[in-house]
Amino acid sequence: LSLFNDEISARINYEQLHFNNTKER
């Protein structure tokens, strides 16, 4: 979540960008 919020979401100008972390292999 920290990586997504700080390094990815903050650089993409789109309010409806979300993140899902799955453990499925």
mmCIF file of all heavy atoms, coordinates in Angstrom:
data_MODEL
# 
_entry.id   MODEL 
# 
loop_
_atom_site.group_PDB 
_atom_site.id 
_atom_site.type_symbol 
_atom_site.label_atom_id 
_atom_site.label_alt_id 
_atom_site.label_comp_id 
_atom_site.label_asym_id 
_atom_site.label_entity_id 
_atom_site.label_seq_id 
_atom_site.pdbx_PDB_ins_code 
_atom_site.Cartn_x 
_atom_site.Cartn_y 
_atom_site.Cartn_z 
_atom_site.occupancy 
_atom_site.B_iso_or_equiv 
_atom_site.pdbx_formal_charge 
_atom_site.auth_seq_id 
_atom_site.auth_comp_id 
_atom_site.auth_asym_id 
_atom_site.auth_atom_id 
_atom_site.pdbx_PDB_model_num 
ATOM 1   N N   . LEU A 1 1  ? 0.830   -1.210  0.000   1.00 0.00 ? 1  LEU A N   1 
ATOM 2   C CA  . LEU A 1 1  ? 0.000   0.000   0.000   1.00 0.00 ? 1  LEU A CA  1 
ATOM 3   C C   . LEU A 1 1  ? 0.862   1.257   0.000   1.00 0.00 ? 1  LEU A C   1 
ATOM 4   O O   . LEU A 1 1  ? 0.553   2.242   -0.678  1.00 0.00 ? 1  LEU A O   1 
ATOM 5   C CB  . LEU A 1 1  ? -0.939  -0.005  1.201   1.00 0.00 ? 1  LEU A CB  1 
ATOM 6   C CG  . LEU A 1 1  ? -2.112  -0.988  1.138   1.00 0.00 ? 1  LEU A CG  1 
ATOM 7   C CD1 . LEU A 1 1  ? -2.867  -0.999  2.457   1.00 0.00 ? 1  LEU A CD1 1 
ATOM 8   C CD2 . LEU A 1 1  ? -3.058  -0.620  -0.012  1.00 0.00 ? 1  LEU A CD2 1 
ATOM 9   N N   . SER A 1 2  ? 1.935   1.233   0.775   1.00 0.00 ? 2  SER A N   1 
ATOM 10  C CA  . SER A 1 2  ? 2.841   2.386   0.823   1.00 0.00 ? 2  SER A CA  1 
ATOM 11  C C   . SER A 1 2  ? 3.484   2.634   -0.538  1.00 0.00 ? 2  SER A C   1 
ATOM 12  O O   . SER A 1 2  ? 3.559   3.777   -1.009  1.00 0.00 ? 2  SER A O   1 
ATOM 13  C CB  . SER A 1 2  ? 3.920   2.146   1.884   1.00 0.00 ? 2  SER A CB  1 
ATOM 14  O OG  . SER A 1 2  ? 4.868   3.191   1.883   1.00 0.00 ? 2  SER A OG  1 
ATOM 15  N N   . LEU A 1 3  ? 3.930   1.553   -1.178  1.00 0.00 ? 3  LEU A N   1 
ATOM 16  C CA  . LEU A 1 3  ? 4.545   1.666   -2.496  1.00 0.00 ? 3  LEU A CA  1 
ATOM 17  C C   . LEU A 1 3  ? 3.542   2.183   -3.517  1.00 0.00 ? 3  LEU A C   1 
ATOM 18  O O   . LEU A 1 3  ? 3.855   3.069   -4.329  1.00 0.00 ? 3  LEU A O   1 
ATOM 19  C CB  . LEU A 1 3  ? 5.080   0.299   -2.924  1.00 0.00 ? 3  LEU A CB  1 
ATOM 20  C CG  . LEU A 1 3  ? 5.835   0.228   -4.253  1.00 0.00 ? 3  LEU A CG  1 
ATOM 21  C CD1 . LEU A 1 3  ? 7.069   1.119   -4.233  1.00 0.00 ? 3  LEU A CD1 1 
ATOM 22  C CD2 . LEU A 1 3  ? 6.224   -1.217  -4.559  1.00 0.00 ? 3  LEU A CD2 1 
ATOM 23  N N   . PHE A 1 4  ? 2.326   1.660   -3.457  1.00 0.00 ? 4  PHE A N   1 
ATOM 24  C CA  . PHE A 1 4  ? 1.294   2.094   -4.409  1.00 0.00 ? 4  PHE A CA  1 
ATOM 25  C C   . PHE A 1 4  ? 0.941   3.569   -4.211  1.00 0.00 ? 4  PHE A C   1 
ATOM 26  O O   . PHE A 1 4  ? 0.885   4.342   -5.174  1.00 0.00 ? 4  PHE A O   1 
ATOM 27  C CB  . PHE A 1 4  ? 0.043   1.227   -4.247  1.00 0.00 ? 4  PHE A CB  1 
ATOM 28  C CG  . PHE A 1 4  ? -1.137  1.728   -5.032  1.00 0.00 ? 4  PHE A CG  1 
ATOM 29  C CD1 . PHE A 1 4  ? -1.200  1.553   -6.411  1.00 0.00 ? 4  PHE A CD1 1 
ATOM 30  C CD2 . PHE A 1 4  ? -2.187  2.381   -4.397  1.00 0.00 ? 4  PHE A CD2 1 
ATOM 31  C CE1 . PHE A 1 4  ? -2.284  2.022   -7.140  1.00 0.00 ? 4  PHE A CE1 1 
ATOM 32  C CE2 . PHE A 1 4  ? -3.279  2.846   -5.117  1.00 0.00 ? 4  PHE A CE2 1 
ATOM 33  C CZ  . PHE A 1 4  ? -3.324  2.671   -6.491  1.00 0.00 ? 4  PHE A CZ  1 
ATOM 34  N N   . ASN A 1 5  ? 0.715   3.972   -2.970  1.00 0.00 ? 5  ASN A N   1 
ATOM 35  C CA  . ASN A 1 5  ? 0.285   5.347   -2.699  1.00 0.00 ? 5  ASN A CA  1 
ATOM 36  C C   . ASN A 1 5  ? 1.372   6.370   -2.990  1.00 0.00 ? 5  ASN A C   1 
ATOM 37  O O   . ASN A 1 5  ? 1.105   7.438   -3.552  1.00 0.00 ? 5  ASN A O   1 
ATOM 38  C CB  . ASN A 1 5  ? -0.175  5.477   -1.242  1.00 0.00 ? 5  ASN A CB  1 
ATOM 39  C CG  . ASN A 1 5  ? -1.472  4.730   -0.979  1.00 0.00 ? 5  ASN A CG  1 
ATOM 40  O OD1 . ASN A 1 5  ? -2.331  4.652   -1.842  1.00 0.00 ? 5  ASN A OD1 1 
ATOM 41  N ND2 . ASN A 1 5  ? -1.607  4.165   0.214   1.00 0.00 ? 5  ASN A ND2 1 
ATOM 42  N N   . ASP A 1 6  ? 2.606   6.052   -2.608  1.00 0.00 ? 6  ASP A N   1 
ATOM 43  C CA  . ASP A 1 6  ? 3.696   7.037   -2.721  1.00 0.00 ? 6  ASP A CA  1 
ATOM 44  C C   . ASP A 1 6  ? 4.342   7.074   -4.103  1.00 0.00 ? 6  ASP A C   1 
ATOM 45  O O   . ASP A 1 6  ? 4.705   8.158   -4.584  1.00 0.00 ? 6  ASP A O   1 
ATOM 46  C CB  . ASP A 1 6  ? 4.770   6.747   -1.663  1.00 0.00 ? 6  ASP A CB  1 
ATOM 47  C CG  . ASP A 1 6  ? 4.238   6.872   -0.248  1.00 0.00 ? 6  ASP A CG  1 
ATOM 48  O OD1 . ASP A 1 6  ? 3.186   7.522   -0.068  1.00 0.00 ? 6  ASP A OD1 1 
ATOM 49  O OD2 . ASP A 1 6  ? 4.861   6.307   0.667   1.00 0.00 ? 6  ASP A OD2 1 
ATOM 50  N N   . GLU A 1 7  ? 4.500   5.907   -4.712  1.00 0.00 ? 7  GLU A N   1 
ATOM 51  C CA  . GLU A 1 7  ? 5.272   5.850   -5.958  1.00 0.00 ? 7  GLU A CA  1 
ATOM 52  C C   . GLU A 1 7  ? 4.421   5.714   -7.224  1.00 0.00 ? 7  GLU A C   1 
ATOM 53  O O   . GLU A 1 7  ? 4.903   5.980   -8.324  1.00 0.00 ? 7  GLU A O   1 
ATOM 54  C CB  . GLU A 1 7  ? 6.260   4.675   -5.903  1.00 0.00 ? 7  GLU A CB  1 
ATOM 55  C CG  . GLU A 1 7  ? 7.239   4.733   -4.746  1.00 0.00 ? 7  GLU A CG  1 
ATOM 56  C CD  . GLU A 1 7  ? 8.146   5.965   -4.831  1.00 0.00 ? 7  GLU A CD  1 
ATOM 57  O OE1 . GLU A 1 7  ? 8.425   6.429   -5.955  1.00 0.00 ? 7  GLU A OE1 1 
ATOM 58  O OE2 . GLU A 1 7  ? 8.562   6.463   -3.768  1.00 0.00 ? 7  GLU A OE2 1 
ATOM 59  N N   . ILE A 1 8  ? 3.170   5.299   -7.062  1.00 0.00 ? 8  ILE A N   1 
ATOM 60  C CA  . ILE A 1 8  ? 2.351   5.042   -8.252  1.00 0.00 ? 8  ILE A CA  1 
ATOM 61  C C   . ILE A 1 8  ? 1.133   5.957   -8.309  1.00 0.00 ? 8  ILE A C   1 
ATOM 62  O O   . ILE A 1 8  ? 1.004   6.791   -9.217  1.00 0.00 ? 8  ILE A O   1 
ATOM 63  C CB  . ILE A 1 8  ? 1.924   3.562   -8.290  1.00 0.00 ? 8  ILE A CB  1 
ATOM 64  C CG1 . ILE A 1 8  ? 3.170   2.671   -8.418  1.00 0.00 ? 8  ILE A CG1 1 
ATOM 65  C CG2 . ILE A 1 8  ? 0.959   3.301   -9.453  1.00 0.00 ? 8  ILE A CG2 1 
ATOM 66  C CD1 . ILE A 1 8  ? 2.895   1.201   -8.334  1.00 0.00 ? 8  ILE A CD1 1 
ATOM 67  N N   . SER A 1 9  ? 0.249   5.836   -7.340  1.00 0.00 ? 9  SER A N   1 
ATOM 68  C CA  . SER A 1 9  ? -0.991  6.617   -7.374  1.00 0.00 ? 9  SER A CA  1 
ATOM 69  C C   . SER A 1 9  ? -0.732  8.115   -7.423  1.00 0.00 ? 9  SER A C   1 
ATOM 70  O O   . SER A 1 9  ? -1.425  8.857   -8.133  1.00 0.00 ? 9  SER A O   1 
ATOM 71  C CB  . SER A 1 9  ? -1.848  6.277   -6.147  1.00 0.00 ? 9  SER A CB  1 
ATOM 72  O OG  . SER A 1 9  ? -3.066  7.003   -6.182  1.00 0.00 ? 9  SER A OG  1 
ATOM 73  N N   . ALA A 1 10 ? 0.268   8.573   -6.686  1.00 0.00 ? 10 ALA A N   1 
ATOM 74  C CA  . ALA A 1 10 ? 0.576   10.004  -6.646  1.00 0.00 ? 10 ALA A CA  1 
ATOM 75  C C   . ALA A 1 10 ? 1.030   10.543  -8.003  1.00 0.00 ? 10 ALA A C   1 
ATOM 76  O O   . ALA A 1 10 ? 0.972   11.751  -8.247  1.00 0.00 ? 10 ALA A O   1 
ATOM 77  C CB  . ALA A 1 10 ? 1.656   10.269  -5.596  1.00 0.00 ? 10 ALA A CB  1 
ATOM 78  N N   . ARG A 1 11 ? 1.464   9.640   -8.893  1.00 0.00 ? 11 ARG A N   1 
ATOM 79  C CA  . ARG A 1 11 ? 1.969   10.071  -10.203 1.00 0.00 ? 11 ARG A CA  1 
ATOM 80  C C   . ARG A 1 11 ? 0.959   9.873   -11.332 1.00 0.00 ? 11 ARG A C   1 
ATOM 81  O O   . ARG A 1 11 ? 1.243   10.224  -12.481 1.00 0.00 ? 11 ARG A O   1 
ATOM 82  C CB  . ARG A 1 11 ? 3.252   9.294   -10.536 1.00 0.00 ? 11 ARG A CB  1 
ATOM 83  C CG  . ARG A 1 11 ? 4.352   9.482   -9.500  1.00 0.00 ? 11 ARG A CG  1 
ATOM 84  C CD  . ARG A 1 11 ? 5.623   8.800   -9.927  1.00 0.00 ? 11 ARG A CD  1 
ATOM 85  N NE  . ARG A 1 11 ? 6.651   8.889   -8.894  1.00 0.00 ? 11 ARG A NE  1 
ATOM 86  C CZ  . ARG A 1 11 ? 7.902   8.487   -9.051  1.00 0.00 ? 11 ARG A CZ  1 
ATOM 87  N NH1 . ARG A 1 11 ? 8.286   7.973   -10.212 1.00 0.00 ? 11 ARG A NH1 1 
ATOM 88  N NH2 . ARG A 1 11 ? 8.780   8.584   -8.068  1.00 0.00 ? 11 ARG A NH2 1 
ATOM 89  N N   . ILE A 1 12 ? -0.183  9.298   -11.004 1.00 0.00 ? 12 ILE A N   1 
ATOM 90  C CA  . ILE A 1 12 ? -1.223  9.072   -12.006 1.00 0.00 ? 12 ILE A CA  1 
ATOM 91  C C   . ILE A 1 12 ? -2.422  9.946   -11.665 1.00 0.00 ? 12 ILE A C   1 
ATOM 92  O O   . ILE A 1 12 ? -3.024  9.810   -10.611 1.00 0.00 ? 12 ILE A O   1 
ATOM 93  C CB  . ILE A 1 12 ? -1.664  7.590   -12.031 1.00 0.00 ? 12 ILE A CB  1 
ATOM 94  C CG1 . ILE A 1 12 ? -0.456  6.672   -12.233 1.00 0.00 ? 12 ILE A CG1 1 
ATOM 95  C CG2 . ILE A 1 12 ? -2.697  7.372   -13.144 1.00 0.00 ? 12 ILE A CG2 1 
ATOM 96  C CD1 . ILE A 1 12 ? 0.264   6.849   -13.553 1.00 0.00 ? 12 ILE A CD1 1 
ATOM 97  N N   . ASN A 1 13 ? -2.758  10.830  -12.553 1.00 0.00 ? 13 ASN A N   1 
ATOM 98  C CA  . ASN A 1 13 ? -3.847  11.771  -12.309 1.00 0.00 ? 13 ASN A CA  1 
ATOM 99  C C   . ASN A 1 13 ? -5.189  11.120  -12.650 1.00 0.00 ? 13 ASN A C   1 
ATOM 100 O O   . ASN A 1 13 ? -5.809  11.423  -13.683 1.00 0.00 ? 13 ASN A O   1 
ATOM 101 C CB  . ASN A 1 13 ? -3.636  13.048  -13.132 1.00 0.00 ? 13 ASN A CB  1 
ATOM 102 C CG  . ASN A 1 13 ? -4.724  14.077  -12.871 1.00 0.00 ? 13 ASN A CG  1 
ATOM 103 O OD1 . ASN A 1 13 ? -5.310  14.116  -11.788 1.00 0.00 ? 13 ASN A OD1 1 
ATOM 104 N ND2 . ASN A 1 13 ? -5.005  14.906  -13.875 1.00 0.00 ? 13 ASN A ND2 1 
ATOM 105 N N   . TYR A 1 14 ? -5.623  10.205  -11.772 1.00 0.00 ? 14 TYR A N   1 
ATOM 106 C CA  . TYR A 1 14 ? -6.906  9.541   -11.994 1.00 0.00 ? 14 TYR A CA  1 
ATOM 107 C C   . TYR A 1 14 ? -7.495  9.138   -10.645 1.00 0.00 ? 14 TYR A C   1 
ATOM 108 O O   . TYR A 1 14 ? -6.960  8.256   -9.963  1.00 0.00 ? 14 TYR A O   1 
ATOM 109 C CB  . TYR A 1 14 ? -6.737  8.315   -12.896 1.00 0.00 ? 14 TYR A CB  1 
ATOM 110 C CG  . TYR A 1 14 ? -8.057  7.801   -13.439 1.00 0.00 ? 14 TYR A CG  1 
ATOM 111 C CD1 . TYR A 1 14 ? -8.861  8.604   -14.244 1.00 0.00 ? 14 TYR A CD1 1 
ATOM 112 C CD2 . TYR A 1 14 ? -8.505  6.515   -13.131 1.00 0.00 ? 14 TYR A CD2 1 
ATOM 113 C CE1 . TYR A 1 14 ? -10.072 8.143   -14.739 1.00 0.00 ? 14 TYR A CE1 1 
ATOM 114 C CE2 . TYR A 1 14 ? -9.714  6.045   -13.628 1.00 0.00 ? 14 TYR A CE2 1 
ATOM 115 C CZ  . TYR A 1 14 ? -10.494 6.857   -14.433 1.00 0.00 ? 14 TYR A CZ  1 
ATOM 116 O OH  . TYR A 1 14 ? -11.703 6.392   -14.924 1.00 0.00 ? 14 TYR A OH  1 
ATOM 117 N N   . GLU A 1 15 ? -8.583  9.772   -10.268 1.00 0.00 ? 15 GLU A N   1 
ATOM 118 C CA  . GLU A 1 15 ? -9.158  9.560   -8.940  1.00 0.00 ? 15 GLU A CA  1 
ATOM 119 C C   . GLU A 1 15 ? -9.692  8.151   -8.736  1.00 0.00 ? 15 GLU A C   1 
ATOM 120 O O   . GLU A 1 15 ? -9.780  7.674   -7.600  1.00 0.00 ? 15 GLU A O   1 
ATOM 121 C CB  . GLU A 1 15 ? -10.286 10.569  -8.694  1.00 0.00 ? 15 GLU A CB  1 
ATOM 122 C CG  . GLU A 1 15 ? -9.805  12.015  -8.550  1.00 0.00 ? 15 GLU A CG  1 
ATOM 123 C CD  . GLU A 1 15 ? -10.932 12.957  -8.234  1.00 0.00 ? 15 GLU A CD  1 
ATOM 124 O OE1 . GLU A 1 15 ? -12.105 12.495  -8.158  1.00 0.00 ? 15 GLU A OE1 1 
ATOM 125 O OE2 . GLU A 1 15 ? -10.658 14.165  -8.065  1.00 0.00 ? 15 GLU A OE2 1 
ATOM 126 N N   . GLN A 1 16 ? -10.063 7.482   -9.802  1.00 0.00 ? 16 GLN A N   1 
ATOM 127 C CA  . GLN A 1 16 ? -10.647 6.148   -9.679  1.00 0.00 ? 16 GLN A CA  1 
ATOM 128 C C   . GLN A 1 16 ? -9.624  5.034   -9.858  1.00 0.00 ? 16 GLN A C   1 
ATOM 129 O O   . GLN A 1 16 ? -9.961  3.918   -10.223 1.00 0.00 ? 16 GLN A O   1 
ATOM 130 C CB  . GLN A 1 16 ? -11.795 6.000   -10.681 1.00 0.00 ? 16 GLN A CB  1 
ATOM 131 C CG  . GLN A 1 16 ? -12.993 6.861   -10.322 1.00 0.00 ? 16 GLN A CG  1 
ATOM 132 C CD  . GLN A 1 16 ? -14.007 6.920   -11.452 1.00 0.00 ? 16 GLN A CD  1 
ATOM 133 O OE1 . GLN A 1 16 ? -14.073 7.875   -12.215 1.00 0.00 ? 16 GLN A OE1 1 
ATOM 134 N NE2 . GLN A 1 16 ? -14.821 5.876   -11.549 1.00 0.00 ? 16 GLN A NE2 1 
ATOM 135 N N   . LEU A 1 17 ? -8.361  5.349   -9.561  1.00 0.00 ? 17 LEU A N   1 
ATOM 136 C CA  . LEU A 1 17 ? -7.302  4.336   -9.570  1.00 0.00 ? 17 LEU A CA  1 
ATOM 137 C C   . LEU A 1 17 ? -7.246  3.661   -8.204  1.00 0.00 ? 17 LEU A C   1 
ATOM 138 O O   . LEU A 1 17 ? -7.131  4.329   -7.176  1.00 0.00 ? 17 LEU A O   1 
ATOM 139 C CB  . LEU A 1 17 ? -5.952  4.983   -9.896  1.00 0.00 ? 17 LEU A CB  1 
ATOM 140 C CG  . LEU A 1 17 ? -4.713  4.082   -9.773  1.00 0.00 ? 17 LEU A CG  1 
ATOM 141 C CD1 . LEU A 1 17 ? -4.786  2.914   -10.754 1.00 0.00 ? 17 LEU A CD1 1 
ATOM 142 C CD2 . LEU A 1 17 ? -3.443  4.895   -10.002 1.00 0.00 ? 17 LEU A CD2 1 
ATOM 143 N N   . HIS A 1 18 ? -7.318  2.326   -8.190  1.00 0.00 ? 18 HIS A N   1 
ATOM 144 C CA  . HIS A 1 18 ? -7.327  1.557   -6.948  1.00 0.00 ? 18 HIS A CA  1 
ATOM 145 C C   . HIS A 1 18 ? -6.276  0.446   -7.018  1.00 0.00 ? 18 HIS A C   1 
ATOM 146 O O   . HIS A 1 18 ? -5.697  0.183   -8.073  1.00 0.00 ? 18 HIS A O   1 
ATOM 147 C CB  . HIS A 1 18 ? -8.712  0.963   -6.693  1.00 0.00 ? 18 HIS A CB  1 
ATOM 148 C CG  . HIS A 1 18 ? -9.822  1.962   -6.765  1.00 0.00 ? 18 HIS A CG  1 
ATOM 149 N ND1 . HIS A 1 18 ? -10.053 2.900   -5.782  1.00 0.00 ? 18 HIS A ND1 1 
ATOM 150 C CD2 . HIS A 1 18 ? -10.760 2.186   -7.735  1.00 0.00 ? 18 HIS A CD2 1 
ATOM 151 C CE1 . HIS A 1 18 ? -11.091 3.648   -6.126  1.00 0.00 ? 18 HIS A CE1 1 
ATOM 152 N NE2 . HIS A 1 18 ? -11.530 3.242   -7.296  1.00 0.00 ? 18 HIS A NE2 1 
ATOM 153 N N   . PHE A 1 19 ? -6.079  -0.216  -5.874  1.00 0.00 ? 19 PHE A N   1 
ATOM 154 C CA  . PHE A 1 19 ? -5.050  -1.254  -5.785  1.00 0.00 ? 19 PHE A CA  1 
ATOM 155 C C   . PHE A 1 19 ? -5.590  -2.502  -5.106  1.00 0.00 ? 19 PHE A C   1 
ATOM 156 O O   . PHE A 1 19 ? -6.368  -2.426  -4.147  1.00 0.00 ? 19 PHE A O   1 
ATOM 157 C CB  . PHE A 1 19 ? -3.848  -0.732  -4.997  1.00 0.00 ? 19 PHE A CB  1 
ATOM 158 C CG  . PHE A 1 19 ? -2.799  -1.777  -4.726  1.00 0.00 ? 19 PHE A CG  1 
ATOM 159 C CD1 . PHE A 1 19 ? -2.036  -2.311  -5.753  1.00 0.00 ? 19 PHE A CD1 1 
ATOM 160 C CD2 . PHE A 1 19 ? -2.584  -2.250  -3.429  1.00 0.00 ? 19 PHE A CD2 1 
ATOM 161 C CE1 . PHE A 1 19 ? -1.080  -3.289  -5.512  1.00 0.00 ? 19 PHE A CE1 1 
ATOM 162 C CE2 . PHE A 1 19 ? -1.630  -3.216  -3.168  1.00 0.00 ? 19 PHE A CE2 1 
ATOM 163 C CZ  . PHE A 1 19 ? -0.876  -3.734  -4.212  1.00 0.00 ? 19 PHE A CZ  1 
ATOM 164 N N   . ASN A 1 20 ? -5.174  -3.656  -5.620  1.00 0.00 ? 20 ASN A N   1 
ATOM 165 C CA  . ASN A 1 20 ? -5.543  -4.934  -5.025  1.00 0.00 ? 20 ASN A CA  1 
ATOM 166 C C   . ASN A 1 20 ? -4.306  -5.817  -4.939  1.00 0.00 ? 20 ASN A C   1 
ATOM 167 O O   . ASN A 1 20 ? -3.599  -6.008  -5.926  1.00 0.00 ? 20 ASN A O   1 
ATOM 168 C CB  . ASN A 1 20 ? -6.620  -5.630  -5.865  1.00 0.00 ? 20 ASN A CB  1 
ATOM 169 C CG  . ASN A 1 20 ? -6.971  -7.004  -5.330  1.00 0.00 ? 20 ASN A CG  1 
ATOM 170 O OD1 . ASN A 1 20 ? -7.201  -7.176  -4.144  1.00 0.00 ? 20 ASN A OD1 1 
ATOM 171 N ND2 . ASN A 1 20 ? -7.010  -7.990  -6.211  1.00 0.00 ? 20 ASN A ND2 1 
ATOM 172 N N   . ASN A 1 21 ? -4.021  -6.327  -3.759  1.00 0.00 ? 21 ASN A N   1 
ATOM 173 C CA  . ASN A 1 21 ? -2.861  -7.193  -3.535  1.00 0.00 ? 21 ASN A CA  1 
ATOM 174 C C   . ASN A 1 21 ? -3.346  -8.620  -3.333  1.00 0.00 ? 21 ASN A C   1 
ATOM 175 O O   . ASN A 1 21 ? -3.974  -8.945  -2.333  1.00 0.00 ? 21 ASN A O   1 
ATOM 176 C CB  . ASN A 1 21 ? -2.091  -6.726  -2.296  1.00 0.00 ? 21 ASN A CB  1 
ATOM 177 C CG  . ASN A 1 21 ? -0.818  -7.524  -2.070  1.00 0.00 ? 21 ASN A CG  1 
ATOM 178 O OD1 . ASN A 1 21 ? -0.383  -8.261  -2.941  1.00 0.00 ? 21 ASN A OD1 1 
ATOM 179 N ND2 . ASN A 1 21 ? -0.229  -7.368  -0.896  1.00 0.00 ? 21 ASN A ND2 1 
ATOM 180 N N   . THR A 1 22 ? -3.088  -9.484  -4.313  1.00 0.00 ? 22 THR A N   1 
ATOM 181 C CA  . THR A 1 22 ? -3.545  -10.866 -4.213  1.00 0.00 ? 22 THR A CA  1 
ATOM 182 C C   . THR A 1 22 ? -2.367  -11.794 -3.996  1.00 0.00 ? 22 THR A C   1 
ATOM 183 O O   . THR A 1 22 ? -1.269  -11.553 -4.508  1.00 0.00 ? 22 THR A O   1 
ATOM 184 C CB  . THR A 1 22 ? -4.319  -11.296 -5.480  1.00 0.00 ? 22 THR A CB  1 
ATOM 185 O OG1 . THR A 1 22 ? -4.663  -12.677 -5.366  1.00 0.00 ? 22 THR A OG1 1 
ATOM 186 C CG2 . THR A 1 22 ? -3.476  -11.104 -6.730  1.00 0.00 ? 22 THR A CG2 1 
ATOM 187 N N   . LYS A 1 23 ? -2.603  -12.858 -3.245  1.00 0.00 ? 23 LYS A N   1 
ATOM 188 C CA  . LYS A 1 23 ? -1.571  -13.856 -3.016  1.00 0.00 ? 23 LYS A CA  1 
ATOM 189 C C   . LYS A 1 23 ? -1.704  -15.044 -3.962  1.00 0.00 ? 23 LYS A C   1 
ATOM 190 O O   . LYS A 1 23 ? -0.936  -16.001 -3.868  1.00 0.00 ? 23 LYS A O   1 
ATOM 191 C CB  . LYS A 1 23 ? -1.622  -14.336 -1.568  1.00 0.00 ? 23 LYS A CB  1 
ATOM 192 C CG  . LYS A 1 23 ? -1.224  -13.255 -0.557  1.00 0.00 ? 23 LYS A CG  1 
ATOM 193 C CD  . LYS A 1 23 ? -1.177  -13.813 0.854   1.00 0.00 ? 23 LYS A CD  1 
ATOM 194 C CE  . LYS A 1 23 ? -0.716  -12.729 1.844   1.00 0.00 ? 23 LYS A CE  1 
ATOM 195 N NZ  . LYS A 1 23 ? -0.648  -13.271 3.232   1.00 0.00 ? 23 LYS A NZ  1 
ATOM 196 N N   . GLU A 1 24 ? -2.662  -14.962 -4.881  1.00 0.00 ? 24 GLU A N   1 
ATOM 197 C CA  . GLU A 1 24 ? -2.860  -16.039 -5.843  1.00 0.00 ? 24 GLU A CA  1 
ATOM 198 C C   . GLU A 1 24 ? -1.631  -16.178 -6.739  1.00 0.00 ? 24 GLU A C   1 
ATOM 199 O O   . GLU A 1 24 ? -1.089  -15.197 -7.234  1.00 0.00 ? 24 GLU A O   1 
ATOM 200 C CB  . GLU A 1 24 ? -4.101  -15.762 -6.698  1.00 0.00 ? 24 GLU A CB  1 
ATOM 201 C CG  . GLU A 1 24 ? -4.383  -16.808 -7.756  1.00 0.00 ? 24 GLU A CG  1 
ATOM 202 C CD  . GLU A 1 24 ? -4.594  -18.192 -7.179  1.00 0.00 ? 24 GLU A CD  1 
ATOM 203 O OE1 . GLU A 1 24 ? -5.609  -18.394 -6.483  1.00 0.00 ? 24 GLU A OE1 1 
ATOM 204 O OE2 . GLU A 1 24 ? -3.713  -19.064 -7.418  1.00 0.00 ? 24 GLU A OE2 1 
ATOM 205 N N   . ARG A 1 25 ? -1.196  -17.420 -6.938  1.00 0.00 ? 25 ARG A N   1 
ATOM 206 C CA  . ARG A 1 25 ? -0.031  -17.676 -7.776  1.00 0.00 ? 25 ARG A CA  1 
ATOM 207 C C   . ARG A 1 25 ? -0.430  -18.160 -9.172  1.00 0.00 ? 25 ARG A C   1 
ATOM 208 O O   . ARG A 1 25 ? 0.324   -17.990 -10.131 1.00 0.00 ? 25 ARG A O   1 
ATOM 209 C CB  . ARG A 1 25 ? 0.858   -18.743 -7.129  1.00 0.00 ? 25 ARG A CB  1 
ATOM 210 C CG  . ARG A 1 25 ? 1.680   -18.220 -5.955  1.00 0.00 ? 25 ARG A CG  1 
ATOM 211 C CD  . ARG A 1 25 ? 2.810   -17.347 -6.440  1.00 0.00 ? 25 ARG A CD  1 
ATOM 212 N NE  . ARG A 1 25 ? 3.742   -16.978 -5.375  1.00 0.00 ? 25 ARG A NE  1 
ATOM 213 C CZ  . ARG A 1 25 ? 4.845   -16.271 -5.573  1.00 0.00 ? 25 ARG A CZ  1 
ATOM 214 N NH1 . ARG A 1 25 ? 5.160   -15.848 -6.776  1.00 0.00 ? 25 ARG A NH1 1 
ATOM 215 N NH2 . ARG A 1 25 ? 5.640   -15.976 -4.560  1.00 0.00 ? 25 ARG A NH2 1 
# 
